[in-house]
């Protein structure tokens, strides 16, 4: 599948979508950037929980998406699936993160 599949195929559920999501993250640098952004996002979420500072919550969103989009536009050279499938992409990103964390997907 290619990036154009985001625009042509209709994914109905996570089981159909996740394999495509992984193909859009085949470059290890892109995956590493996603991992960094998601890790920073988690840190900012914990900072928000502990401090109540809403800026930390904004920084969580910003850091998560900034690193991911850099990975897509400049490394993988594809369009993030989150533009068409925001919920499936969000869940898939955390699934990929978890698998990278335990070594099931190299980062």
PDB file of N, CA and C in Angstrom:
ATOM      1  N   UNK A   1       0.838  -1.185   0.000  1.00  0.00           N
ATOM      2  CA  UNK A   1       0.000   0.000   0.000  1.00  0.00           C
ATOM      3  C   UNK A   1       0.873   1.233   0.000  1.00  0.00           C
ATOM      4  N   UNK A   2       0.360   2.276  -0.541  1.00  0.00           N
ATOM      5  CA  UNK A   2       1.110   3.518  -0.602  1.00  0.00           C
ATOM      6  C   UNK A   2       0.321   4.626   0.086  1.00  0.00           C
ATOM      7  N   UNK A   3       0.950   5.796   0.148  1.00  0.00           N
ATOM      8  CA  UNK A   3       0.304   6.945   0.757  1.00  0.00           C
ATOM      9  C   UNK A   3      -1.021   7.257   0.094  1.00  0.00           C
ATOM     10  N   UNK A   4      -1.140   7.003  -1.197  1.00  0.00           N
ATOM     11  CA  UNK A   4      -2.397   7.300  -1.890  1.00  0.00           C
ATOM     12  C   UNK A   4      -3.545   6.458  -1.358  1.00  0.00           C
ATOM     13  N   UNK A   5      -3.222   5.307  -0.718  1.00  0.00           N
ATOM     14  CA  UNK A   5      -4.272   4.466  -0.151  1.00  0.00           C
ATOM     15  C   UNK A   5      -5.039   5.183   0.949  1.00  0.00           C
ATOM     16  N   UNK A   6      -4.401   6.141   1.618  1.00  0.00           N
ATOM     17  CA  UNK A   6      -5.104   6.919   2.632  1.00  0.00           C
ATOM     18  C   UNK A   6      -6.298   7.612   2.002  1.00  0.00           C
ATOM     19  N   UNK A   7      -6.151   8.027   0.768  1.00  0.00           N
ATOM     20  CA  UNK A   7      -7.207   8.769   0.101  1.00  0.00           C
ATOM     21  C   UNK A   7      -8.202   7.880  -0.634  1.00  0.00           C
ATOM     22  N   UNK A   8      -7.862   6.632  -0.907  1.00  0.00           N
ATOM     23  CA  UNK A   8      -8.745   5.790  -1.707  1.00  0.00           C
ATOM     24  C   UNK A   8      -9.409   4.674  -0.913  1.00  0.00           C
ATOM     25  N   UNK A   9      -8.685   4.009  -0.061  1.00  0.00           N
ATOM     26  CA  UNK A   9      -9.263   2.906   0.707  1.00  0.00           C
ATOM     27  C   UNK A   9     -10.019   3.457   1.910  1.00  0.00           C
ATOM     28  N   UNK A  10     -11.134   2.846   2.217  1.00  0.00           N
ATOM     29  CA  UNK A  10     -11.927   3.237   3.378  1.00  0.00           C
ATOM     30  C   UNK A  10     -11.700   2.221   4.487  1.00  0.00           C
ATOM     31  N   UNK A  11     -11.022   2.631   5.532  1.00  0.00           N
ATOM     32  CA  UNK A  11     -10.762   1.740   6.662  1.00  0.00           C
ATOM     33  C   UNK A  11     -11.923   1.860   7.634  1.00  0.00           C
ATOM     34  N   UNK A  12     -12.492   0.719   7.985  1.00  0.00           N
ATOM     35  CA  UNK A  12     -13.682   0.711   8.831  1.00  0.00           C
ATOM     36  C   UNK A  12     -13.364   0.477  10.296  1.00  0.00           C
ATOM     37  N   UNK A  13     -12.216  -0.130  10.557  1.00  0.00           N
ATOM     38  CA  UNK A  13     -11.889  -0.440  11.943  1.00  0.00           C
ATOM     39  C   UNK A  13     -10.375  -0.500  12.131  1.00  0.00           C
ATOM     40  N   UNK A  14      -9.980  -0.609  13.384  1.00  0.00           N
ATOM     41  CA  UNK A  14      -8.562  -0.621  13.728  1.00  0.00           C
ATOM     42  C   UNK A  14      -7.846  -1.845  13.171  1.00  0.00           C
ATOM     43  N   UNK A  15      -8.509  -2.974  13.148  1.00  0.00           N
ATOM     44  CA  UNK A  15      -7.892  -4.205  12.628  1.00  0.00           C
ATOM     45  C   UNK A  15      -7.491  -4.042  11.163  1.00  0.00           C
ATOM     46  N   UNK A  16      -8.314  -3.361  10.380  1.00  0.00           N
ATOM     47  CA  UNK A  16      -7.983  -3.097   8.968  1.00  0.00           C
ATOM     48  C   UNK A  16      -6.926  -2.001   8.846  1.00  0.00           C
ATOM     49  N   UNK A  17      -7.015  -1.003   9.705  1.00  0.00           N
ATOM     50  CA  UNK A  17      -6.193   0.193   9.574  1.00  0.00           C
ATOM     51  C   UNK A  17      -4.753  -0.003  10.055  1.00  0.00           C
ATOM     52  N   UNK A  18      -4.555  -0.714  11.169  1.00  0.00           N
ATOM     53  CA  UNK A  18      -3.236  -0.789  11.791  1.00  0.00           C
ATOM     54  C   UNK A  18      -2.142  -1.320  10.855  1.00  0.00           C
ATOM     55  N   UNK A  19      -2.380  -2.377  10.064  1.00  0.00           N
ATOM     56  CA  UNK A  19      -1.321  -2.810   9.131  1.00  0.00           C
ATOM     57  C   UNK A  19      -0.925  -1.702   8.141  1.00  0.00           C
ATOM     58  N   UNK A  20      -1.921  -0.955   7.662  1.00  0.00           N
ATOM     59  CA  UNK A  20      -1.606   0.178   6.780  1.00  0.00           C
ATOM     60  C   UNK A  20      -0.786   1.220   7.534  1.00  0.00           C
ATOM     61  N   UNK A  21      -1.192   1.507   8.758  1.00  0.00           N
ATOM     62  CA  UNK A  21      -0.488   2.494   9.573  1.00  0.00           C
ATOM     63  C   UNK A  21       0.994   2.131   9.698  1.00  0.00           C
ATOM     64  N   UNK A  22       1.268   0.864   9.930  1.00  0.00           N
ATOM     65  CA  UNK A  22       2.664   0.429  10.055  1.00  0.00           C
ATOM     66  C   UNK A  22       3.436   0.610   8.759  1.00  0.00           C
ATOM     67  N   UNK A  23       2.786   0.429   7.601  1.00  0.00           N
ATOM     68  CA  UNK A  23       3.495   0.641   6.331  1.00  0.00           C
ATOM     69  C   UNK A  23       3.847   2.112   6.143  1.00  0.00           C
ATOM     70  N   UNK A  24       3.057   2.992   6.715  1.00  0.00           N
ATOM     71  CA  UNK A  24       3.328   4.430   6.621  1.00  0.00           C
ATOM     72  C   UNK A  24       4.428   4.868   7.592  1.00  0.00           C
ATOM     73  N   UNK A  25       4.918   3.923   8.382  1.00  0.00           N
ATOM     74  CA  UNK A  25       5.975   4.183   9.352  1.00  0.00           C
ATOM     75  C   UNK A  25       7.111   3.177   9.174  1.00  0.00           C
ATOM     76  N   UNK A  26       7.469   2.917   7.936  1.00  0.00           N
ATOM     77  CA  UNK A  26       8.494   1.908   7.654  1.00  0.00           C
ATOM     78  C   UNK A  26       9.910   2.430   7.898  1.00  0.00           C
ATOM     79  N   UNK A  27      10.098   3.723   7.879  1.00  0.00           N
ATOM     80  CA  UNK A  27      11.416   4.309   8.085  1.00  0.00           C
ATOM     81  C   UNK A  27      11.698   4.407   9.591  1.00  0.00           C
ATOM     82  N   UNK A  28      12.839   3.877  10.012  1.00  0.00           N
ATOM     83  CA  UNK A  28      13.167   3.857  11.441  1.00  0.00           C
ATOM     84  C   UNK A  28      13.336   5.259  12.033  1.00  0.00           C
ATOM     85  N   UNK A  29      13.780   6.210  11.235  1.00  0.00           N
ATOM     86  CA  UNK A  29      13.910   7.590  11.731  1.00  0.00           C
ATOM     87  C   UNK A  29      12.519   8.169  12.000  1.00  0.00           C
ATOM     88  N   UNK A  30      11.583   7.905  11.124  1.00  0.00           N
ATOM     89  CA  UNK A  30      10.211   8.363  11.335  1.00  0.00           C
ATOM     90  C   UNK A  30       9.645   7.746  12.614  1.00  0.00           C
ATOM     91  N   UNK A  31       9.837   6.450  12.790  1.00  0.00           N
ATOM     92  CA  UNK A  31       9.354   5.795  14.012  1.00  0.00           C
ATOM     93  C   UNK A  31      10.020   6.391  15.246  1.00  0.00           C
ATOM     94  N   UNK A  32      11.308   6.653  15.166  1.00  0.00           N
ATOM     95  CA  UNK A  32      12.025   7.238  16.308  1.00  0.00           C
ATOM     96  C   UNK A  32      11.471   8.631  16.634  1.00  0.00           C
ATOM     97  N   UNK A  33      11.193   9.412  15.606  1.00  0.00           N
ATOM     98  CA  UNK A  33      10.610  10.731  15.838  1.00  0.00           C
ATOM     99  C   UNK A  33       9.235  10.621  16.490  1.00  0.00           C
ATOM    100  N   UNK A  34       8.433   9.661  16.049  1.00  0.00           N
ATOM    101  CA  UNK A  34       7.135   9.428  16.691  1.00  0.00           C
ATOM    102  C   UNK A  34       7.337   9.048  18.159  1.00  0.00           C
ATOM    103  N   UNK A  35       8.293   8.186  18.423  1.00  0.00           N
ATOM    104  CA  UNK A  35       8.553   7.726  19.785  1.00  0.00           C
ATOM    105  C   UNK A  35       8.978   8.897  20.672  1.00  0.00           C
ATOM    106  N   UNK A  36       9.854   9.740  20.166  1.00  0.00           N
ATOM    107  CA  UNK A  36      10.301  10.916  20.925  1.00  0.00           C
ATOM    108  C   UNK A  36       9.119  11.835  21.211  1.00  0.00           C
ATOM    109  N   UNK A  37       8.336  12.132  20.175  1.00  0.00           N
ATOM    110  CA  UNK A  37       7.192  13.023  20.346  1.00  0.00           C
ATOM    111  C   UNK A  37       6.172  12.466  21.327  1.00  0.00           C
ATOM    112  N   UNK A  38       5.898  11.184  21.237  1.00  0.00           N
ATOM    113  CA  UNK A  38       4.928  10.569  22.155  1.00  0.00           C
ATOM    114  C   UNK A  38       5.468  10.542  23.585  1.00  0.00           C
ATOM    115  N   UNK A  39       6.755  10.295  23.739  1.00  0.00           N
ATOM    116  CA  UNK A  39       7.363  10.302  25.071  1.00  0.00           C
ATOM    117  C   UNK A  39       7.301  11.695  25.689  1.00  0.00           C
ATOM    118  N   UNK A  40       7.612  12.700  24.889  1.00  0.00           N
ATOM    119  CA  UNK A  40       7.500  14.073  25.379  1.00  0.00           C
ATOM    120  C   UNK A  40       6.053  14.400  25.745  1.00  0.00           C
ATOM    121  N   UNK A  41       5.120  13.964  24.902  1.00  0.00           N
ATOM    122  CA  UNK A  41       3.704  14.204  25.170  1.00  0.00           C
ATOM    123  C   UNK A  41       3.300  13.590  26.511  1.00  0.00           C
ATOM    124  N   UNK A  42       3.734  12.367  26.772  1.00  0.00           N
ATOM    125  CA  UNK A  42       3.437  11.739  28.059  1.00  0.00           C
ATOM    126  C   UNK A  42       4.023  12.542  29.222  1.00  0.00           C
ATOM    127  N   UNK A  43       5.235  13.012  29.045  1.00  0.00           N
ATOM    128  CA  UNK A  43       5.859  13.847  30.079  1.00  0.00           C
ATOM    129  C   UNK A  43       5.060  15.112  30.348  1.00  0.00           C
ATOM    130  N   UNK A  44       4.615  15.754  29.290  1.00  0.00           N
ATOM    131  CA  UNK A  44       3.820  16.972  29.458  1.00  0.00           C
ATOM    132  C   UNK A  44       2.451  16.673  30.075  1.00  0.00           C
ATOM    133  N   UNK A  45       1.881  15.528  29.748  1.00  0.00           N
ATOM    134  CA  UNK A  45       0.599  15.138  30.360  1.00  0.00           C
ATOM    135  C   UNK A  45       0.789  14.932  31.866  1.00  0.00           C
ATOM    136  N   UNK A  46       1.862  14.269  32.247  1.00  0.00           N
ATOM    137  CA  UNK A  46       2.149  14.098  33.675  1.00  0.00           C
ATOM    138  C   UNK A  46       2.409  15.442  34.346  1.00  0.00           C
ATOM    139  N   UNK A  47       3.087  16.338  33.638  1.00  0.00           N
ATOM    140  CA  UNK A  47       3.319  17.681  34.182  1.00  0.00           C
ATOM    141  C   UNK A  47       1.995  18.414  34.384  1.00  0.00           C
ATOM    142  N   UNK A  48       1.097  18.268  33.444  1.00  0.00           N
ATOM    143  CA  UNK A  48      -0.225  18.885  33.580  1.00  0.00           C
ATOM    144  C   UNK A  48      -0.973  18.308  34.787  1.00  0.00           C
ATOM    145  N   UNK A  49      -0.950  16.980  34.923  1.00  0.00           N
ATOM    146  CA  UNK A  49      -1.653  16.334  36.029  1.00  0.00           C
ATOM    147  C   UNK A  49      -1.094  16.795  37.378  1.00  0.00           C
ATOM    148  N   UNK A  50       0.223  16.908  37.450  1.00  0.00           N
ATOM    149  CA  UNK A  50       0.831  17.282  38.725  1.00  0.00           C
ATOM    150  C   UNK A  50       0.749  18.773  39.031  1.00  0.00           C
ATOM    151  N   UNK A  51       0.684  19.598  38.003  1.00  0.00           N
ATOM    152  CA  UNK A  51       0.713  21.050  38.230  1.00  0.00           C
ATOM    153  C   UNK A  51      -0.596  21.751  37.907  1.00  0.00           C
ATOM    154  N   UNK A  52      -1.409  21.137  37.057  1.00  0.00           N
ATOM    155  CA  UNK A  52      -2.631  21.805  36.610  1.00  0.00           C
ATOM    156  C   UNK A  52      -2.364  22.905  35.597  1.00  0.00           C
ATOM    157  N   UNK A  53      -1.143  23.002  35.134  1.00  0.00           N
ATOM    158  CA  UNK A  53      -0.764  24.041  34.182  1.00  0.00           C
ATOM    159  C   UNK A  53      -1.242  23.635  32.783  1.00  0.00           C
ATOM    160  N   UNK A  54      -2.186  24.389  32.252  1.00  0.00           N
ATOM    161  CA  UNK A  54      -2.784  24.066  30.953  1.00  0.00           C
ATOM    162  C   UNK A  54      -1.796  24.189  29.801  1.00  0.00           C
ATOM    163  N   UNK A  55      -0.753  24.970  29.996  1.00  0.00           N
ATOM    164  CA  UNK A  55       0.271  25.100  28.951  1.00  0.00           C
ATOM    165  C   UNK A  55       0.920  23.734  28.705  1.00  0.00           C
ATOM    166  N   UNK A  56       1.118  22.967  29.771  1.00  0.00           N
ATOM    167  CA  UNK A  56       1.717  21.635  29.624  1.00  0.00           C
ATOM    168  C   UNK A  56       0.840  20.745  28.753  1.00  0.00           C
ATOM    169  N   UNK A  57      -0.466  20.868  28.880  1.00  0.00           N
ATOM    170  CA  UNK A  57      -1.367  20.059  28.048  1.00  0.00           C
ATOM    171  C   UNK A  57      -1.253  20.473  26.576  1.00  0.00           C
ATOM    172  N   UNK A  58      -1.153  21.758  26.325  1.00  0.00           N
ATOM    173  CA  UNK A  58      -0.944  22.239  24.958  1.00  0.00           C
ATOM    174  C   UNK A  58       0.382  21.759  24.393  1.00  0.00           C
ATOM    175  N   UNK A  59       1.408  21.767  25.235  1.00  0.00           N
ATOM    176  CA  UNK A  59       2.718  21.293  24.792  1.00  0.00           C
ATOM    177  C   UNK A  59       2.702  19.794  24.509  1.00  0.00           C
ATOM    178  N   UNK A  60       1.861  19.050  25.213  1.00  0.00           N
ATOM    179  CA  UNK A  60       1.726  17.611  24.934  1.00  0.00           C
ATOM    180  C   UNK A  60       1.222  17.408  23.512  1.00  0.00           C
ATOM    181  N   UNK A  61       0.181  18.120  23.134  1.00  0.00           N
ATOM    182  CA  UNK A  61      -0.345  18.003  21.766  1.00  0.00           C
ATOM    183  C   UNK A  61       0.682  18.473  20.746  1.00  0.00           C
ATOM    184  N   UNK A  62       1.289  19.620  21.026  1.00  0.00           N
ATOM    185  CA  UNK A  62       2.253  20.197  20.105  1.00  0.00           C
ATOM    186  C   UNK A  62       3.434  19.257  19.870  1.00  0.00           C
ATOM    187  N   UNK A  63       4.026  18.746  20.943  1.00  0.00           N
ATOM    188  CA  UNK A  63       5.214  17.901  20.790  1.00  0.00           C
ATOM    189  C   UNK A  63       4.880  16.587  20.099  1.00  0.00           C
ATOM    190  N   UNK A  64       3.755  16.002  20.448  1.00  0.00           N
ATOM    191  CA  UNK A  64       3.366  14.742  19.817  1.00  0.00           C
ATOM    192  C   UNK A  64       3.212  14.875  18.320  1.00  0.00           C
ATOM    193  N   UNK A  65       2.486  15.888  17.910  1.00  0.00           N
ATOM    194  CA  UNK A  65       2.250  16.061  16.476  1.00  0.00           C
ATOM    195  C   UNK A  65       3.444  16.648  15.744  1.00  0.00           C
ATOM    196  N   UNK A  66       4.201  17.533  16.371  1.00  0.00           N
ATOM    197  CA  UNK A  66       5.355  18.139  15.698  1.00  0.00           C
ATOM    198  C   UNK A  66       6.350  17.079  15.247  1.00  0.00           C
ATOM    199  N   UNK A  67       6.762  16.208  16.155  1.00  0.00           N
ATOM    200  CA  UNK A  67       7.749  15.190  15.800  1.00  0.00           C
ATOM    201  C   UNK A  67       7.195  14.214  14.767  1.00  0.00           C
ATOM    202  N   UNK A  68       5.930  13.846  14.919  1.00  0.00           N
ATOM    203  CA  UNK A  68       5.318  12.916  13.955  1.00  0.00           C
ATOM    204  C   UNK A  68       5.267  13.530  12.561  1.00  0.00           C
ATOM    205  N   UNK A  69       4.848  14.767  12.487  1.00  0.00           N
ATOM    206  CA  UNK A  69       4.704  15.399  11.172  1.00  0.00           C
ATOM    207  C   UNK A  69       6.055  15.675  10.524  1.00  0.00           C
ATOM    208  N   UNK A  70       7.063  15.988  11.311  1.00  0.00           N
ATOM    209  CA  UNK A  70       8.416  16.115  10.757  1.00  0.00           C
ATOM    210  C   UNK A  70       8.826  14.776  10.145  1.00  0.00           C
ATOM    211  N   UNK A  71       8.547  13.697  10.862  1.00  0.00           N
ATOM    212  CA  UNK A  71       8.871  12.364  10.354  1.00  0.00           C
ATOM    213  C   UNK A  71       8.163  12.028   9.059  1.00  0.00           C
ATOM    214  N   UNK A  72       6.916  12.453   8.945  1.00  0.00           N
ATOM    215  CA  UNK A  72       6.167  12.150   7.727  1.00  0.00           C
ATOM    216  C   UNK A  72       6.580  13.042   6.557  1.00  0.00           C
ATOM    217  N   UNK A  73       6.606  14.339   6.773  1.00  0.00           N
ATOM    218  CA  UNK A  73       6.856  15.259   5.665  1.00  0.00           C
ATOM    219  C   UNK A  73       8.307  15.255   5.186  1.00  0.00           C
ATOM    220  N   UNK A  74       9.267  15.106   6.105  1.00  0.00           N
ATOM    221  CA  UNK A  74      10.670  15.242   5.733  1.00  0.00           C
ATOM    222  C   UNK A  74      11.444  13.931   5.675  1.00  0.00           C
ATOM    223  N   UNK A  75      10.985  12.910   6.362  1.00  0.00           N
ATOM    224  CA  UNK A  75      11.717  11.643   6.374  1.00  0.00           C
ATOM    225  C   UNK A  75      10.994  10.607   5.518  1.00  0.00           C
ATOM    226  N   UNK A  76       9.773  10.288   5.897  1.00  0.00           N
ATOM    227  CA  UNK A  76       9.006   9.255   5.184  1.00  0.00           C
ATOM    228  C   UNK A  76       8.446   9.797   3.869  1.00  0.00           C
ATOM    229  N   UNK A  77       8.284  11.116   3.816  1.00  0.00           N
ATOM    230  CA  UNK A  77       7.755  11.812   2.629  1.00  0.00           C
ATOM    231  C   UNK A  77       6.362  11.292   2.240  1.00  0.00           C
ATOM    232  N   UNK A  78       5.512  11.206   3.259  1.00  0.00           N
ATOM    233  CA  UNK A  78       4.122  10.853   3.012  1.00  0.00           C
ATOM    234  C   UNK A  78       3.204  11.754   3.843  1.00  0.00           C
ATOM    235  N   UNK A  79       1.940  11.665   3.557  1.00  0.00           N
ATOM    236  CA  UNK A  79       0.957  12.495   4.246  1.00  0.00           C
ATOM    237  C   UNK A  79       0.442  11.746   5.464  1.00  0.00           C
ATOM    238  N   UNK A  80       0.479  12.370   6.655  1.00  0.00           N
ATOM    239  CA  UNK A  80       0.008  11.671   7.848  1.00  0.00           C
ATOM    240  C   UNK A  80      -1.440  11.193   7.700  1.00  0.00           C
ATOM    241  N   UNK A  81      -1.664   9.962   8.058  1.00  0.00           N
ATOM    242  CA  UNK A  81      -3.011   9.382   7.974  1.00  0.00           C
ATOM    243  C   UNK A  81      -3.971  10.054   8.943  1.00  0.00           C
ATOM    244  N   UNK A  82      -3.424  10.759   9.919  1.00  0.00           N
ATOM    245  CA  UNK A  82      -4.271  11.429  10.907  1.00  0.00           C
ATOM    246  C   UNK A  82      -5.176  12.489  10.266  1.00  0.00           C
ATOM    247  N   UNK A  83      -4.801  12.968   9.084  1.00  0.00           N
ATOM    248  CA  UNK A  83      -5.636  13.961   8.411  1.00  0.00           C
ATOM    249  C   UNK A  83      -6.973  13.362   7.977  1.00  0.00           C
ATOM    250  N   UNK A  84      -6.964  12.086   7.621  1.00  0.00           N
ATOM    251  CA  UNK A  84      -8.201  11.445   7.181  1.00  0.00           C
ATOM    252  C   UNK A  84      -8.790  10.522   8.245  1.00  0.00           C
ATOM    253  N   UNK A  85      -7.935   9.928   9.050  1.00  0.00           N
ATOM    254  CA  UNK A  85      -8.367   8.975  10.079  1.00  0.00           C
ATOM    255  C   UNK A  85      -7.813   9.395  11.443  1.00  0.00           C
ATOM    256  N   UNK A  86      -8.288  10.489  12.006  1.00  0.00           N
ATOM    257  CA  UNK A  86      -7.688  10.989  13.247  1.00  0.00           C
ATOM    258  C   UNK A  86      -7.779  10.019  14.423  1.00  0.00           C
ATOM    259  N   UNK A  87      -8.928   9.393  14.632  1.00  0.00           N
ATOM    260  CA  UNK A  87      -9.061   8.489  15.780  1.00  0.00           C
ATOM    261  C   UNK A  87      -8.249   7.221  15.580  1.00  0.00           C
ATOM    262  N   UNK A  88      -8.369   6.605  14.409  1.00  0.00           N
ATOM    263  CA  UNK A  88      -7.613   5.375  14.139  1.00  0.00           C
ATOM    264  C   UNK A  88      -6.110   5.636  14.191  1.00  0.00           C
ATOM    265  N   UNK A  89      -5.675   6.776  13.705  1.00  0.00           N
ATOM    266  CA  UNK A  89      -4.253   7.126  13.737  1.00  0.00           C
ATOM    267  C   UNK A  89      -3.774   7.349  15.166  1.00  0.00           C
ATOM    268  N   UNK A  90      -4.583   8.028  15.971  1.00  0.00           N
ATOM    269  CA  UNK A  90      -4.225   8.293  17.362  1.00  0.00           C
ATOM    270  C   UNK A  90      -4.037   6.976  18.120  1.00  0.00           C
ATOM    271  N   UNK A  91      -5.001   6.087  17.996  1.00  0.00           N
ATOM    272  CA  UNK A  91      -4.922   4.788  18.674  1.00  0.00           C
ATOM    273  C   UNK A  91      -3.742   3.970  18.127  1.00  0.00           C
ATOM    274  N   UNK A  92      -3.580   3.970  16.808  1.00  0.00           N
ATOM    275  CA  UNK A  92      -2.487   3.205  16.186  1.00  0.00           C
ATOM    276  C   UNK A  92      -1.126   3.724  16.623  1.00  0.00           C
ATOM    277  N   UNK A  93      -1.012   5.037  16.801  1.00  0.00           N
ATOM    278  CA  UNK A  93       0.253   5.608  17.244  1.00  0.00           C
ATOM    279  C   UNK A  93       0.628   5.067  18.616  1.00  0.00           C
ATOM    280  N   UNK A  94      -0.339   4.978  19.519  1.00  0.00           N
ATOM    281  CA  UNK A  94      -0.046   4.456  20.850  1.00  0.00           C
ATOM    282  C   UNK A  94       0.191   2.951  20.818  1.00  0.00           C
ATOM    283  N   UNK A  95      -0.452   2.258  19.905  1.00  0.00           N
ATOM    284  CA  UNK A  95      -0.168   0.825  19.744  1.00  0.00           C
ATOM    285  C   UNK A  95       1.264   0.627  19.255  1.00  0.00           C
ATOM    286  N   UNK A  96       1.671   1.440  18.281  1.00  0.00           N
ATOM    287  CA  UNK A  96       3.033   1.358  17.775  1.00  0.00           C
ATOM    288  C   UNK A  96       4.021   1.739  18.878  1.00  0.00           C
ATOM    289  N   UNK A  97       3.706   2.760  19.643  1.00  0.00           N
ATOM    290  CA  UNK A  97       4.563   3.200  20.745  1.00  0.00           C
ATOM    291  C   UNK A  97       4.776   2.055  21.743  1.00  0.00           C
ATOM    292  N   UNK A  98       3.687   1.404  22.125  1.00  0.00           N
ATOM    293  CA  UNK A  98       3.789   0.293  23.061  1.00  0.00           C
ATOM    294  C   UNK A  98       4.634  -0.839  22.523  1.00  0.00           C
ATOM    295  N   UNK A  99       4.463  -1.139  21.254  1.00  0.00           N
ATOM    296  CA  UNK A  99       5.253  -2.212  20.641  1.00  0.00           C
ATOM    297  C   UNK A  99       6.724  -1.829  20.519  1.00  0.00           C
ATOM    298  N   UNK A 100       6.984  -0.552  20.276  1.00  0.00           N
ATOM    299  CA  UNK A 100       8.370  -0.098  20.238  1.00  0.00           C
ATOM    300  C   UNK A 100       8.975  -0.160  21.638  1.00  0.00           C
ATOM    301  N   UNK A 101       8.202   0.180  22.643  1.00  0.00           N
ATOM    302  CA  UNK A 101       8.675   0.192  24.014  1.00  0.00           C
ATOM    303  C   UNK A 101       9.127  -1.183  24.483  1.00  0.00           C
ATOM    304  N   UNK A 102       8.443  -2.222  24.028  1.00  0.00           N
ATOM    305  CA  UNK A 102       8.812  -3.585  24.440  1.00  0.00           C
ATOM    306  C   UNK A 102       9.665  -4.303  23.402  1.00  0.00           C
ATOM    307  N   UNK A 103      10.082  -3.590  22.348  1.00  0.00           N
ATOM    308  CA  UNK A 103      11.003  -4.151  21.363  1.00  0.00           C
ATOM    309  C   UNK A 103      10.360  -4.979  20.263  1.00  0.00           C
ATOM    310  N   UNK A 104       9.052  -4.937  20.126  1.00  0.00           N
ATOM    311  CA  UNK A 104       8.398  -5.699  19.060  1.00  0.00           C
ATOM    312  C   UNK A 104       8.506  -4.987  17.710  1.00  0.00           C
ATOM    313  N   UNK A 105       8.735  -3.687  17.756  1.00  0.00           N
ATOM    314  CA  UNK A 105       9.000  -2.892  16.551  1.00  0.00           C
ATOM    315  C   UNK A 105      10.279  -2.117  16.836  1.00  0.00           C
ATOM    316  N   UNK A 106      11.289  -2.227  15.979  1.00  0.00           N
ATOM    317  CA  UNK A 106      12.527  -1.485  16.239  1.00  0.00           C
ATOM    318  C   UNK A 106      12.313   0.027  16.091  1.00  0.00           C
ATOM    319  N   UNK A 107      12.972   0.780  16.969  1.00  0.00           N
ATOM    320  CA  UNK A 107      12.879   2.255  16.843  1.00  0.00           C
ATOM    321  C   UNK A 107      14.197   2.857  16.526  1.00  0.00           C
TER     322      UNK A 107
END
